[in-house]
Amino acid sequence: MKPRWGPMEVRLLEEFKKRRALGLAVHRRWFIRRAKRILREEFPEEILELDSRIIYSCRFSASWFRAFKHRGRISWRAKTNTASITPIDKIPHIQSFLQFIRRNAQCRQLPMSPQIEPEYDVGRFRLCHIFNMDQTPLPFEFLHGRTYEFKGKKTVWIRALKSSWSKRQATLMITACADGSNRIKPLIIFRGDDDWYGYEEERAQYDPRVHVLFNKKAYSNESVTLQWLTEDVFPVCRSNTSTHEPCLMVLDVFAGQKTATILRTFKRNNFVSAYVPEGCTGLVQPMDTAINSLLKDKISEVIEDEMDENPDQWDDNNYHISDRRILIVKAVAEAWSWLHQHRKEVIIKSFQQVGISLKPDGSQDHLLHIRDLPNLVVGSWVLERPENAPTGTSYGLDCNLSSDGHTGVGTLEFELQDDDLIDEDFFDEYAPQENQGDGDYVLDSELEVPGSACMSLDFLCR
């Protein structure tokens, strides 16, 4: 005996057929969202409103969804991507990165006695002062490469709403905090200028929870990074505490955010800049391991909901690119707020699992869980007091870039003149304790060599 279809499922299948006939991508959340709407519209007796909650007669469980797909002969159609990074090959670089963070988490002043060394959440850092910033492409239309489709179909197509949108990309800069709090606004960079007719009218409709900029390439650069730091990041950090406590910023090695100007700006504001080793962002950067995927899915869902709720408004002939930008800003604002309200524990856990927010003494290393590297050991990281160093001397570097601008893997562009960098032989001679393969970036003008063998650098955290 074949399973019986309920009236809600019959209509749901028909709407799925129509959506796929239009070439629109369909995901599980679409089925759940549409099924709930059908119950509300046609079968109100099947729902119960209790305070602010709506209780449905159907639980829409995973087993229900599997049965629905089986009866409707619906399958998940997708291509398979092969990973090009072998995590085992990255172990030395990941260890070096985590050791650098732990060295910087220790007290930067050599204390008179161990008892006076301060203790915060992560060594000398508070959780609210540990950040991860990342840029990610933000398409004007989320054309997923996967969709549900009827079994047996030889051609699986997804229609683009506007052909020009495939060439329109924005950049989304987002900064998460290790305590899971929503501290720094997302930044969207759209392509174009902000001096065109109608810009002020459009700008007035942007959601104030998002910072919006325009430039010709819709891409971040040194000036955008500086503006983001001075307008969004540093004011937030200064407002958290009355003292100028140290902060940790984890970011990738994108050229526009590792210039001499950016590094000096970090240093002046007491920020340790920890650059993720090349090829390791998918392993040890919280944004890439957990946050970006959740955020983009939610942005797509918000946009789909808006277009489902107002189909006439989003007909091809009824709106302009300005309307789409306003919608994207709204979707990013709502998704970023949702992420911190409903997935706060994911943010906190993502920092812990990659080792960024764990206590440097190793007492929380059981929480370390880097993908495909279950038995990773951070290893020795402590910087011993240099021999004959006077009490109170600072030690340890606050940037893990080498003198040629990379973290030890590959060759990268570094926007500095060669004569603006310290000679490597000179550095090795006067700073054997600080070098150790990390953090040997320093400018000639910021170098002071005292009478002892210990090097004192203005570039050091104090």
Protein backbone atom coordinates (compact mmCIF):
# COMPACT_ATOMS: atom_id res chain seq x y z
CA MET A 1 0.00 0.00 0.00
CA LYS A 2 1.46 3.36 -1.04
CA PRO A 3 1.79 6.12 1.59
CA ARG A 4 -1.05 8.63 1.46
CA TRP A 5 -0.49 12.27 0.64
CA GLY A 6 -1.97 14.91 2.93
CA PRO A 7 -3.61 17.99 1.36
CA MET A 8 -0.77 20.18 2.63
CA GLU A 9 1.83 17.94 0.99
CA VAL A 10 -0.11 17.86 -2.29
CA ARG A 11 -0.03 21.65 -2.54
CA LEU A 12 3.59 21.74 -1.40
CA LEU A 13 4.59 19.39 -4.22
CA GLU A 14 2.70 21.49 -6.77
CA GLU A 15 4.43 24.68 -5.63
CA PHE A 16 7.78 22.88 -5.82
CA LYS A 17 7.03 21.89 -9.44
CA LYS A 18 6.20 25.49 -10.34
CA ARG A 19 9.33 26.85 -8.68
CA ARG A 20 11.60 24.37 -10.44
CA ALA A 21 9.83 25.09 -13.76
CA LEU A 22 11.02 28.67 -13.29
CA GLY A 23 14.57 27.44 -12.67
CA LEU A 24 14.68 28.71 -9.08
CA ALA A 25 16.88 26.89 -6.57
CA VAL A 26 15.08 25.03 -3.78
CA HIS A 27 16.55 24.12 -0.41
CA ARG A 28 15.19 22.34 2.62
CA ARG A 29 14.38 25.59 4.43
CA TRP A 30 12.14 26.56 1.47
CA PHE A 31 10.08 23.37 1.91
CA ILE A 32 9.69 23.98 5.67
CA ARG A 33 8.89 27.66 5.26
CA ARG A 34 6.35 27.01 2.48
CA ALA A 35 4.71 24.10 4.33
CA LYS A 36 4.13 26.29 7.40
CA ARG A 37 2.63 29.01 5.25
CA ILE A 38 0.24 26.52 3.61
CA LEU A 39 -0.96 25.36 7.01
CA ARG A 40 -1.54 28.94 8.14
CA GLU A 41 -3.41 29.89 4.97
CA GLU A 42 -5.57 26.83 4.27
CA PHE A 43 -5.67 24.83 7.50
CA PRO A 44 -5.76 27.28 10.41
CA GLU A 45 -7.35 24.58 12.57
CA GLU A 46 -4.02 22.72 12.35
CA ILE A 47 -2.09 25.40 14.23
CA LEU A 48 -2.23 26.72 17.79
CA GLU A 49 -1.16 30.23 18.75
CA LEU A 50 0.23 30.29 22.28
CA ASP A 51 1.47 33.70 23.44
CA SER A 52 4.07 34.64 20.84
CA ARG A 53 4.60 31.05 19.67
CA ILE A 54 2.91 29.19 16.83
CA ILE A 55 2.57 25.42 17.30
CA TYR A 56 1.99 23.38 14.13
CA SER A 57 0.30 20.00 13.97
CA CYS A 58 3.21 18.74 11.84
CA ARG A 59 6.69 18.77 13.38
CA PHE A 60 8.43 19.00 9.98
CA SER A 61 11.07 16.64 11.29
CA ALA A 62 13.94 15.11 9.34
CA SER A 63 12.01 11.84 9.02
CA TRP A 64 8.97 13.69 7.59
CA PHE A 65 11.19 15.45 5.06
CA ARG A 66 12.86 12.19 4.00
CA ALA A 67 9.45 10.57 3.50
CA PHE A 68 8.19 13.58 1.53
CA LYS A 69 11.22 13.48 -0.78
CA HIS A 70 10.82 9.71 -1.27
CA ARG A 71 7.13 9.94 -2.17
CA GLY A 72 7.71 12.88 -4.50
CA ARG A 73 10.80 11.30 -6.10
CA ILE A 74 12.83 14.38 -5.15
CA SER A 75 16.61 14.22 -4.77
CA TRP A 76 19.43 16.58 -3.82
CA ARG A 77 21.41 17.37 -6.96
CA ALA A 78 24.91 18.68 -6.50
CA LYS A 79 28.42 18.46 -7.83
CA THR A 80 31.34 17.25 -5.73
CA ASN A 81 34.31 19.50 -5.00
CA THR A 82 37.68 18.04 -4.22
CA ALA A 83 39.73 19.70 -1.51
CA SER A 84 43.16 20.93 -2.62
CA ILE A 85 44.57 21.54 0.87
CA THR A 86 46.05 18.70 2.88
CA PRO A 87 45.68 19.67 6.54
CA ILE A 88 48.56 17.45 7.64
CA ASP A 89 50.94 19.48 5.47
CA LYS A 90 49.86 22.63 7.32
CA ILE A 91 50.54 21.39 10.85
CA PRO A 92 53.87 23.26 11.33
CA HIS A 93 52.32 26.54 10.14
CA ILE A 94 49.22 26.12 12.32
CA GLN A 95 51.38 25.31 15.33
CA SER A 96 53.52 28.38 14.67
CA PHE A 97 50.38 30.55 14.39
CA LEU A 98 48.89 29.28 17.68
CA GLN A 99 52.25 29.52 19.45
CA PHE A 100 52.51 33.14 18.36
CA ILE A 101 49.08 33.91 19.83
CA ARG A 102 49.97 32.22 23.12
CA ARG A 103 53.29 34.05 23.35
CA ASN A 104 51.41 37.31 22.99
CA ALA A 105 48.83 36.26 25.57
CA GLN A 106 51.50 36.10 28.25
CA CYS A 107 52.35 39.22 30.25
CA ARG A 108 54.56 41.56 28.20
CA GLN A 109 56.39 43.05 31.18
CA LEU A 110 58.82 40.82 33.05
CA PRO A 111 57.30 41.03 36.55
CA MET A 112 59.16 41.34 39.82
CA SER A 113 57.32 38.22 40.97
CA PRO A 114 54.84 35.84 39.31
CA GLN A 115 52.09 36.98 41.70
CA ILE A 116 51.73 40.42 40.13
CA GLU A 117 51.15 39.16 36.59
CA PRO A 118 47.55 40.02 35.59
CA GLU A 119 45.15 37.28 34.59
CA TYR A 120 42.21 37.86 32.24
CA ASP A 121 40.12 35.47 30.11
CA VAL A 122 42.93 34.45 27.75
CA GLY A 123 46.23 35.39 29.35
CA ARG A 124 46.42 39.18 29.15
CA PHE A 125 43.45 39.42 26.73
CA ARG A 126 39.79 39.74 27.58
CA LEU A 127 37.39 37.75 25.37
CA CYS A 128 35.72 41.02 24.35
CA HIS A 129 39.11 42.15 22.96
CA ILE A 130 39.73 39.14 20.70
CA PHE A 131 38.46 39.58 17.12
CA ASN A 132 38.51 37.86 13.76
CA MET A 133 37.95 39.96 10.64
CA ASP A 134 37.36 38.59 7.15
CA GLN A 135 36.25 39.77 3.73
CA THR A 136 33.90 37.63 1.71
CA PRO A 137 32.30 38.18 -1.74
CA LEU A 138 28.65 39.16 -1.55
CA PRO A 139 26.75 38.41 -4.76
CA PHE A 140 23.75 40.42 -5.86
CA GLU A 141 21.94 37.15 -6.45
CA PHE A 142 22.63 33.96 -4.52
CA LEU A 143 22.74 31.46 -7.36
CA HIS A 144 23.28 28.22 -5.46
CA GLY A 145 24.86 25.39 -7.41
CA ARG A 146 22.45 22.97 -5.78
CA THR A 147 18.70 22.51 -5.78
CA TYR A 148 16.13 19.84 -5.18
CA GLU A 149 14.80 18.38 -8.42
CA PHE A 150 12.68 15.45 -9.53
CA LYS A 151 14.59 12.21 -10.03
CA GLY A 152 15.39 11.27 -13.60
CA LYS A 153 15.82 14.83 -14.87
CA LYS A 154 18.83 14.97 -17.18
CA THR A 155 19.11 18.77 -17.11
CA VAL A 156 19.10 20.70 -13.86
CA TRP A 157 18.95 24.45 -14.46
CA ILE A 158 18.69 27.49 -12.21
CA ARG A 159 17.48 30.76 -13.68
CA ALA A 160 19.20 34.04 -12.92
CA LEU A 161 16.71 36.82 -12.18
CA LYS A 162 18.84 39.37 -14.05
CA SER A 163 21.74 38.47 -16.30
CA SER A 164 23.76 41.54 -15.26
CA TRP A 165 23.71 40.49 -11.60
CA SER A 166 26.20 37.70 -12.19
CA LYS A 167 28.80 40.42 -12.86
CA ARG A 168 27.83 42.55 -9.87
CA GLN A 169 29.71 41.66 -6.74
CA ALA A 170 30.03 43.46 -3.44
CA THR A 171 32.46 42.76 -0.62
CA LEU A 172 31.27 42.08 2.90
CA MET A 173 33.71 42.81 5.75
CA ILE A 174 32.62 41.23 9.02
CA THR A 175 34.31 41.13 12.41
CA ALA A 176 33.32 38.58 15.05
CA CYS A 177 34.22 38.75 18.73
CA ALA A 178 35.35 35.77 20.81
CA ASP A 179 32.66 36.36 23.45
CA GLY A 180 29.91 36.08 20.81
CA SER A 181 28.71 39.66 21.25
CA ASN A 182 27.68 41.94 18.38
CA ARG A 183 30.23 44.75 18.74
CA ILE A 184 31.33 45.81 15.25
CA LYS A 185 29.01 46.66 12.37
CA PRO A 186 29.29 44.70 9.10
CA LEU A 187 30.77 46.74 6.25
CA ILE A 188 29.52 46.37 2.67
CA ILE A 189 31.56 47.74 -0.22
CA PHE A 190 29.51 48.27 -3.38
CA ARG A 191 30.92 49.01 -6.81
CA GLY A 192 30.67 52.63 -7.95
CA ASP A 193 30.94 56.17 -6.57
CA ASP A 194 28.95 57.96 -3.91
CA ASP A 195 28.56 61.20 -5.86
CA TRP A 196 25.84 60.12 -8.30
CA TYR A 197 22.35 61.61 -8.45
CA GLY A 198 20.02 59.94 -5.97
CA TYR A 199 22.76 58.57 -3.71
CA GLU A 200 21.61 60.46 -0.62
CA GLU A 201 18.04 59.28 -1.13
CA GLU A 202 19.23 55.67 -1.40
CA ARG A 203 21.59 56.03 1.54
CA ALA A 204 18.73 57.21 3.76
CA GLN A 205 17.05 53.83 3.19
CA TYR A 206 20.06 51.74 4.26
CA ASP A 207 19.70 49.82 7.50
CA PRO A 208 21.74 51.77 10.12
CA ARG A 209 23.12 48.50 11.53
CA VAL A 210 25.41 48.21 8.48
CA HIS A 211 28.24 50.48 7.33
CA VAL A 212 28.16 51.00 3.52
CA LEU A 213 30.96 52.27 1.26
CA PHE A 214 31.44 52.57 -2.50
CA ASN A 215 34.59 52.22 -4.58
CA LYS A 216 35.39 51.44 -8.20
CA LYS A 217 36.30 47.78 -7.64
CA ALA A 218 33.90 46.93 -4.80
CA TYR A 219 36.93 45.62 -2.97
CA SER A 220 38.77 46.42 0.22
CA ASN A 221 42.13 48.18 0.16
CA GLU A 222 44.40 50.05 2.55
CA SER A 223 42.19 53.15 2.74
CA VAL A 224 39.05 51.07 3.36
CA THR A 225 40.83 49.08 6.06
CA LEU A 226 42.03 52.27 7.78
CA GLN A 227 38.53 53.75 7.68
CA TRP A 228 37.09 50.52 9.11
CA LEU A 229 39.66 50.51 11.92
CA THR A 230 39.25 54.16 12.89
CA GLU A 231 35.45 54.39 12.57
CA ASP A 232 34.27 50.92 13.59
CA VAL A 233 36.91 48.93 15.47
CA PHE A 234 38.92 51.25 17.71
CA PRO A 235 35.94 53.24 19.08
CA VAL A 236 34.26 49.97 20.13
CA CYS A 237 37.40 48.75 21.90
CA ARG A 238 37.90 52.04 23.72
CA SER A 239 34.31 52.05 24.91
CA ASN A 240 34.58 48.59 26.48
CA THR A 241 37.06 49.53 29.18
CA SER A 242 38.44 52.69 30.72
CA THR A 243 42.04 51.51 30.30
CA HIS A 244 43.97 50.96 27.11
CA GLU A 245 44.07 47.17 27.38
CA PRO A 246 45.66 45.00 24.68
CA CYS A 247 43.53 43.52 21.89
CA LEU A 248 44.07 40.65 19.45
CA MET A 249 42.99 40.87 15.81
CA VAL A 250 43.12 37.70 13.72
CA LEU A 251 43.00 38.33 9.97
CA ASP A 252 44.25 36.89 6.69
CA VAL A 253 47.23 38.00 4.62
CA PHE A 254 45.30 40.09 2.10
CA ALA A 255 47.76 42.75 0.86
CA GLY A 256 45.52 45.71 1.62
CA GLN A 257 45.51 44.99 5.36
CA LYS A 258 49.19 44.30 6.00
CA THR A 259 50.87 47.46 4.75
CA ALA A 260 53.25 49.44 6.95
CA THR A 261 50.51 52.02 7.63
CA ILE A 262 48.06 49.35 8.78
CA LEU A 263 50.65 47.67 11.00
CA ARG A 264 51.63 50.97 12.60
CA THR A 265 47.95 51.75 13.21
CA PHE A 266 47.45 48.41 14.95
CA LYS A 267 50.53 49.01 17.06
CA ARG A 268 49.54 52.54 18.11
CA ASN A 269 46.19 51.22 19.34
CA ASN A 270 47.76 48.33 21.28
CA PHE A 271 46.55 45.62 18.90
CA VAL A 272 48.39 42.36 18.30
CA SER A 273 47.88 41.48 14.62
CA ALA A 274 47.88 37.71 14.12
CA TYR A 275 47.87 36.84 10.42
CA VAL A 276 46.53 33.41 9.51
CA PRO A 277 49.17 31.43 7.57
CA GLU A 278 48.65 31.21 3.83
CA GLY A 279 46.42 28.30 2.86
CA CYS A 280 45.18 27.77 6.44
CA THR A 281 42.16 30.10 6.63
CA GLY A 282 39.76 27.19 6.16
CA LEU A 283 41.33 25.44 9.13
CA VAL A 284 42.05 28.07 11.79
CA GLN A 285 40.00 31.18 10.93
CA PRO A 286 36.62 31.18 12.78
CA MET A 287 34.94 33.09 9.94
CA ASP A 288 35.77 30.36 7.44
CA THR A 289 35.26 27.35 9.68
CA ALA A 290 31.73 28.20 10.86
CA ILE A 291 30.49 31.78 10.71
CA ASN A 292 30.52 32.71 7.00
CA SER A 293 28.44 29.71 5.96
CA LEU A 294 25.73 30.38 8.56
CA LEU A 295 25.67 34.08 7.74
CA LYS A 296 25.40 33.68 3.97
CA ASP A 297 22.64 31.09 4.31
CA LYS A 298 20.68 33.49 6.50
CA ILE A 299 21.26 36.42 4.12
CA SER A 300 19.96 34.29 1.26
CA GLU A 301 16.95 33.23 3.34
CA VAL A 302 16.05 36.84 4.23
CA ILE A 303 16.23 37.85 0.56
CA GLU A 304 14.16 34.84 -0.53
CA ASP A 305 11.54 35.59 2.13
CA GLU A 306 11.24 39.18 0.94
CA MET A 307 10.83 38.12 -2.68
CA ASP A 308 8.32 35.42 -1.75
CA GLU A 309 6.28 37.87 0.33
CA ASN A 310 6.27 40.59 -2.37
CA PRO A 311 6.49 38.84 -5.76
CA ASP A 312 4.92 41.75 -7.66
CA GLN A 313 7.49 44.22 -6.34
CA TRP A 314 10.36 42.03 -7.50
CA ASP A 315 9.07 41.38 -10.99
CA ASP A 316 11.82 42.00 -13.58
CA ASN A 317 10.27 45.25 -14.75
CA ASN A 318 9.39 46.79 -11.40
CA TYR A 319 12.68 47.50 -9.62
CA HIS A 320 16.17 48.92 -10.11
CA ILE A 321 19.64 48.03 -8.90
CA SER A 322 19.23 50.61 -6.14
CA ASP A 323 16.33 48.57 -4.72
CA ARG A 324 18.50 45.49 -4.72
CA ARG A 325 21.29 47.25 -2.81
CA ILE A 326 18.83 48.42 -0.17
CA LEU A 327 17.50 44.88 0.16
CA ILE A 328 21.01 43.43 0.47
CA VAL A 329 21.91 45.89 3.23
CA LYS A 330 18.72 45.01 5.10
CA ALA A 331 19.38 41.28 4.69
CA VAL A 332 22.93 41.60 6.00
CA ALA A 333 21.74 43.60 9.01
CA GLU A 334 19.04 41.08 9.90
CA ALA A 335 21.31 38.07 9.32
CA TRP A 336 24.15 39.55 11.42
CA SER A 337 21.71 40.33 14.25
CA TRP A 338 20.16 36.83 14.01
CA LEU A 339 23.60 35.22 14.12
CA HIS A 340 24.46 36.88 17.43
CA GLN A 341 21.02 36.33 18.96
CA HIS A 342 20.43 32.73 17.95
CA ARG A 343 23.87 31.31 17.13
CA LYS A 344 26.02 33.04 19.73
CA GLU A 345 27.32 29.71 21.02
CA VAL A 346 28.55 28.85 17.50
CA ILE A 347 30.66 32.02 17.40
CA ILE A 348 32.16 31.34 20.82
CA LYS A 349 32.85 27.71 19.99
CA SER A 350 34.44 28.55 16.63
CA PHE A 351 37.11 30.68 18.37
CA GLN A 352 37.74 27.92 20.91
CA GLN A 353 37.95 25.05 18.42
CA VAL A 354 40.69 26.71 16.38
CA GLY A 355 42.64 27.60 19.54
CA ILE A 356 42.40 31.41 19.37
CA SER A 357 40.46 31.97 22.62
CA LEU A 358 41.87 29.11 24.72
CA LYS A 359 43.88 29.79 27.84
CA PRO A 360 47.61 29.76 27.00
CA ASP A 361 48.44 27.45 29.92
CA GLY A 362 46.93 24.49 28.02
CA SER A 363 44.15 23.84 30.55
CA GLN A 364 41.51 24.16 27.80
CA ASP A 365 43.33 22.32 25.03
CA HIS A 366 40.71 19.56 25.16
CA LEU A 367 38.44 22.06 23.35
CA LEU A 368 40.91 22.36 20.44
CA HIS A 369 39.33 20.69 17.43
CA ILE A 370 40.75 21.68 14.05
CA ARG A 371 39.13 19.92 11.12
CA ASP A 372 40.97 16.75 10.03
CA LEU A 373 43.62 17.35 12.72
CA PRO A 374 42.08 15.76 15.84
CA ASN A 375 45.39 15.15 17.60
CA LEU A 376 47.06 18.51 16.98
CA VAL A 377 49.36 19.64 19.79
CA VAL A 378 50.21 23.34 20.03
CA GLY A 379 53.71 22.60 21.31
CA SER A 380 56.22 24.74 23.17
CA TRP A 381 55.51 28.45 22.91
CA VAL A 382 56.88 30.21 26.01
CA LEU A 383 59.40 33.00 25.47
CA GLU A 384 61.97 32.68 28.20
CA ARG A 385 63.48 35.76 29.75
CA PRO A 386 66.56 36.76 27.74
CA GLU A 387 69.83 36.25 29.57
CA ASN A 388 71.03 39.39 31.41
CA ALA A 389 67.80 41.22 30.54
CA PRO A 390 66.96 43.86 33.17
CA THR A 391 63.74 43.49 35.12
CA GLY A 392 60.83 45.24 33.43
CA THR A 393 62.12 44.73 29.87
CA SER A 394 59.43 44.09 27.25
CA TYR A 395 59.75 41.01 25.11
CA GLY A 396 57.84 39.25 22.31
CA LEU A 397 56.61 40.74 19.03
CA ASP A 398 53.06 41.86 18.26
CA CYS A 399 52.93 40.84 14.58
CA ASN A 400 53.70 37.45 13.03
CA LEU A 401 54.65 38.75 9.58
CA SER A 402 58.23 38.19 8.52
CA SER A 403 60.38 41.01 7.16
CA ASP A 404 59.24 40.26 3.59
CA GLY A 405 55.56 40.36 4.53
CA HIS A 406 54.43 36.75 4.80
CA THR A 407 53.95 34.16 7.50
CA GLY A 408 56.29 31.54 6.15
CA VAL A 409 54.35 29.94 3.28
CA GLY A 410 54.60 31.14 -0.30
CA THR A 411 55.50 34.57 -1.68
CA LEU A 412 53.22 37.55 -1.25
CA GLU A 413 53.23 41.17 -2.32
CA PHE A 414 54.27 43.52 0.47
CA GLU A 415 53.69 47.23 -0.03
CA LEU A 416 56.93 48.55 1.47
CA GLN A 417 60.24 49.68 0.02
CA ASP A 418 63.12 47.32 0.79
CA ASP A 419 65.11 50.05 2.54
CA ASP A 420 62.21 50.57 4.95
CA LEU A 421 62.69 47.13 6.45
CA ILE A 422 65.28 46.04 8.96
CA ASP A 423 68.16 43.98 7.62
CA GLU A 424 67.53 40.31 8.48
CA ASP A 425 71.14 39.64 9.53
CA PHE A 426 71.04 42.61 11.88
CA PHE A 427 67.77 41.40 13.39
CA ASP A 428 69.10 37.87 13.94
CA GLU A 429 72.20 39.23 15.63
CA TYR A 430 70.45 41.50 18.12
CA ALA A 431 67.13 39.71 18.70
CA PRO A 432 67.73 35.93 18.90
CA GLN A 433 65.06 35.51 21.57
CA GLU A 434 62.34 37.38 19.73
CA ASN A 435 62.88 36.02 16.24
CA GLN A 436 62.19 32.25 16.34
CA GLY A 437 60.73 32.38 12.83
CA ASP A 438 57.81 34.66 13.70
CA GLY A 439 57.16 38.33 14.14
CA ASP A 440 60.45 39.69 12.80
CA TYR A 441 58.74 42.61 11.03
CA VAL A 442 60.06 45.97 12.24
CA LEU A 443 60.99 49.29 10.69
CA ASP A 444 64.50 50.76 10.86
CA SER A 445 63.16 53.98 12.29
CA GLU A 446 61.59 52.09 15.21
CA LEU A 447 64.72 50.21 16.27
CA GLU A 448 66.70 50.87 19.41
CA VAL A 449 69.59 48.70 20.59
CA PRO A 450 70.50 49.03 24.28
CA GLY A 451 73.87 48.21 25.74
CA SER A 452 72.87 44.67 26.66
CA ALA A 453 72.27 41.85 24.19
CA CYS A 454 68.53 42.18 24.71
CA MET A 455 66.76 44.10 21.96
CA SER A 456 64.20 46.78 22.86
CA LEU A 457 61.76 47.56 20.05
CA ASP A 458 59.10 50.23 19.98
CA PHE A 459 57.14 47.77 17.85
CA LEU A 460 56.78 45.40 20.83
CA CYS A 461 53.67 45.16 22.96
CA ARG A 462 54.31 46.83 26.28
